[in-house]
Amino acid sequence: MRPHAYDPYQQPELFRGVLTRRVIAFLIDLLVLSVPVILAVIFIAVFGVVTLGLGWALFWLVSPASVIWAIVYYGATIGGPNSATIGMRLMDLEVRTWYGAPGYFVLGAVHAVCFWISVSALSPLVLLVGLFNGRRRLLHDFVLGTVVINTSARAQLVEPARTW
C-alpha cells in the first residue's frame, strides 16, 4: 500500500487555512452555479409572458437542469488541469487523491454529489470533521480518498528528486 502523499506533520503549510478557504471557495462556486440558473429562470419567465403562459411549463426543467449543471461543473473543473473549481482556484486550493494524483471528471462529479449528500444530512456539522484531523479532510474526502491542499504552499515546496 502506498503512503499518503501529503503529510500534515512534515508539510503543515499545505493544510494551513484550508477549511476557511474551502468555505469561501464554496460560496464563490455557489455564485458561479447560480448565475446561469437565475438567467434561465428569467428567460423562462419572459418566454412565458410572450407565449401567454405556455412557456411557464418549462419551469419544471429548472431543478433537474440545476443538478446536472452542478455535477458537470464540479466534474469538469476538478477534472481539469488545475484540479480545482473556480472558487478553489481563487482561494489557492486544489483537490488531490490521497496518493497525490490530480482529480478527474468522475472524481469531481462524485465529490460534488457526496458533498451535497453529507451537507444535507449533517448540515454544517460536516465541517467539524475537518477540525479533528491533520489533513483538514471532510467526511466526503474520507469516503472518496481525496485531500484538499493549499496550492500556493505546494508551489514553494521543493519536490524530491526521483530515485529511479
Protein backbone atom coordinates (compact mmCIF):
# COMPACT_ATOMS: atom_id res chain seq x y z
CA MET A 1 0.00 0.00 0.00
CA ARG A 2 1.28 3.45 -0.89
CA PRO A 3 1.91 6.05 1.80
CA HIS A 4 -0.05 9.30 1.84
CA ALA A 5 1.48 11.87 -0.49
CA TYR A 6 0.91 14.81 1.85
CA ASP A 7 1.97 14.56 5.48
CA PRO A 8 0.45 17.22 7.77
CA TYR A 9 3.36 16.93 10.21
CA GLN A 10 6.18 17.27 7.68
CA GLN A 11 4.32 19.77 5.45
CA PRO A 12 1.88 21.68 7.70
CA GLU A 13 1.82 24.66 5.33
CA LEU A 14 -0.15 22.58 2.82
CA PHE A 15 -3.09 22.46 5.22
CA ARG A 16 -2.88 25.86 6.91
CA GLY A 17 -6.14 27.77 6.46
CA VAL A 18 -7.67 25.12 4.20
CA LEU A 19 -11.03 24.90 5.99
CA THR A 20 -11.64 28.64 5.90
CA ARG A 21 -10.61 28.80 2.26
CA ARG A 22 -12.89 25.88 1.43
CA VAL A 23 -15.90 27.68 2.91
CA ILE A 24 -15.14 30.83 0.90
CA ALA A 25 -14.48 28.76 -2.24
CA PHE A 26 -17.84 27.04 -1.74
CA LEU A 27 -19.62 30.41 -1.59
CA ILE A 28 -17.85 31.55 -4.77
CA ASP A 29 -18.80 28.30 -6.52
CA LEU A 30 -22.38 28.71 -5.34
CA LEU A 31 -22.43 32.12 -7.01
CA VAL A 32 -20.93 30.68 -10.22
CA LEU A 33 -23.51 27.89 -10.22
CA SER A 34 -26.47 30.16 -9.50
CA VAL A 35 -25.90 32.79 -12.21
CA PRO A 36 -26.84 30.54 -15.19
CA VAL A 37 -29.80 29.14 -13.25
CA ILE A 38 -31.09 32.64 -12.46
CA LEU A 39 -30.67 33.65 -16.11
CA ALA A 40 -32.59 30.54 -17.20
CA VAL A 41 -35.43 31.35 -14.78
CA ILE A 42 -35.61 34.92 -16.08
CA PHE A 43 -35.64 33.63 -19.67
CA ILE A 44 -38.45 31.15 -18.90
CA ALA A 45 -40.45 33.86 -17.12
CA VAL A 46 -40.16 36.25 -20.08
CA PHE A 47 -40.81 33.40 -22.53
CA GLY A 48 -43.95 32.55 -20.55
CA VAL A 49 -45.21 36.12 -20.84
CA VAL A 50 -44.54 36.18 -24.60
CA THR A 51 -46.31 32.83 -25.13
CA LEU A 52 -49.25 33.83 -22.92
CA GLY A 53 -48.33 31.37 -20.16
CA LEU A 54 -47.41 28.33 -22.25
CA GLY A 55 -43.67 28.85 -21.78
CA TRP A 56 -44.03 28.65 -18.00
CA ALA A 57 -44.40 24.90 -18.39
CA LEU A 58 -40.61 24.87 -18.79
CA PHE A 59 -40.13 25.75 -15.11
CA TRP A 60 -40.19 22.05 -14.25
CA LEU A 61 -36.85 21.73 -16.07
CA VAL A 62 -35.07 24.16 -13.73
CA SER A 63 -34.45 21.72 -10.85
CA PRO A 64 -33.10 18.78 -12.88
CA ALA A 65 -31.08 21.11 -15.10
CA SER A 66 -29.57 22.75 -12.00
CA VAL A 67 -28.46 19.38 -10.63
CA ILE A 68 -26.96 18.35 -13.98
CA TRP A 69 -25.23 21.74 -14.31
CA ALA A 70 -23.68 21.41 -10.82
CA ILE A 71 -22.42 17.87 -11.48
CA VAL A 72 -20.93 18.86 -14.85
CA TYR A 73 -19.36 21.99 -13.33
CA TYR A 74 -17.67 20.12 -10.50
CA GLY A 75 -16.65 17.23 -12.74
CA ALA A 76 -15.17 19.46 -15.43
CA THR A 77 -13.36 21.82 -13.07
CA ILE A 78 -11.97 19.26 -10.63
CA GLY A 79 -11.17 17.02 -13.58
CA GLY A 80 -9.48 19.89 -15.39
CA PRO A 81 -5.78 20.77 -15.45
CA ASN A 82 -5.96 22.72 -12.16
CA SER A 83 -7.88 20.04 -10.19
CA ALA A 84 -9.96 22.81 -8.69
CA THR A 85 -13.24 24.64 -9.14
CA ILE A 86 -13.23 28.36 -9.92
CA GLY A 87 -13.74 29.15 -6.23
CA MET A 88 -10.93 26.83 -5.24
CA ARG A 89 -8.59 28.42 -7.78
CA LEU A 90 -9.40 31.87 -6.43
CA MET A 91 -8.62 30.61 -2.92
CA ASP A 92 -5.42 28.75 -3.99
CA LEU A 93 -6.78 25.27 -3.30
CA GLU A 94 -6.71 22.05 -5.29
CA VAL A 95 -8.14 18.56 -4.93
CA ARG A 96 -5.74 15.63 -4.98
CA THR A 97 -6.14 11.95 -4.31
CA TRP A 98 -4.61 10.71 -1.05
CA TYR A 99 -1.62 9.43 -3.01
CA GLY A 100 -1.08 12.77 -4.83
CA ALA A 101 -2.71 12.27 -8.24
CA PRO A 102 -4.74 15.13 -9.73
CA GLY A 103 -8.52 14.99 -9.91
CA TYR A 104 -10.50 13.62 -12.85
CA PHE A 105 -14.07 14.13 -14.11
CA VAL A 106 -15.77 11.26 -12.31
CA LEU A 107 -13.97 12.09 -9.06
CA GLY A 108 -15.12 15.70 -9.32
CA ALA A 109 -18.73 14.73 -10.06
CA VAL A 110 -18.89 12.17 -7.25
CA HIS A 111 -17.12 14.64 -4.93
CA ALA A 112 -19.95 17.11 -5.51
CA VAL A 113 -22.67 14.51 -5.01
CA CYS A 114 -21.11 13.20 -1.80
CA PHE A 115 -20.61 16.74 -0.52
CA TRP A 116 -24.23 17.71 -1.12
CA ILE A 117 -25.50 14.49 0.48
CA SER A 118 -23.28 14.93 3.55
CA VAL A 119 -24.24 18.59 3.93
CA SER A 120 -27.93 17.74 3.53
CA ALA A 121 -27.72 15.03 6.18
CA LEU A 122 -25.34 16.65 8.64
CA SER A 123 -25.84 20.36 7.93
CA PRO A 124 -22.82 22.44 8.96
CA LEU A 125 -21.67 19.66 11.31
CA VAL A 126 -19.80 18.19 8.33
CA LEU A 127 -17.20 20.94 8.83
CA LEU A 128 -16.44 19.72 12.35
CA VAL A 129 -14.80 16.58 10.94
CA GLY A 130 -12.13 18.80 9.37
CA LEU A 131 -11.18 20.27 12.73
CA PHE A 132 -10.15 16.90 14.16
CA ASN A 133 -7.71 15.59 11.54
CA GLY A 134 -4.34 16.90 10.43
CA ARG A 135 -5.15 16.99 6.71
CA ARG A 136 -8.34 19.02 7.28
CA ARG A 137 -10.35 16.44 5.33
CA LEU A 138 -14.13 16.50 5.45
CA LEU A 139 -16.38 13.46 5.58
CA HIS A 140 -16.76 13.14 1.81
CA ASP A 141 -12.97 13.47 1.42
CA PHE A 142 -12.51 10.39 3.59
CA VAL A 143 -15.10 8.46 1.60
CA LEU A 144 -13.51 9.36 -1.75
CA GLY A 145 -9.86 9.29 -0.70
CA THR A 146 -9.22 12.92 -1.57
CA VAL A 147 -7.37 15.73 0.12
CA VAL A 148 -7.58 19.49 -0.49
CA ILE A 149 -4.27 21.29 -0.29
CA ASN A 150 -3.02 24.84 -0.34
CA THR A 151 -1.70 25.37 -3.88
CA SER A 152 0.43 28.40 -3.07
CA ALA A 153 2.27 26.44 -0.35
CA ARG A 154 2.78 23.44 -2.64
CA ALA A 155 4.44 25.66 -5.23
CA GLN A 156 7.01 26.73 -2.65
CA LEU A 157 7.91 23.17 -1.65
CA VAL A 158 10.73 21.53 -3.50
CA GLU A 159 9.76 18.16 -4.91
CA PRO A 160 12.29 15.43 -4.02
CA ALA A 161 14.33 14.02 -6.86
CA ARG A 162 13.18 10.68 -8.20
CA THR A 163 15.41 7.76 -7.35
CA TRP A 164 14.56 5.61 -10.33
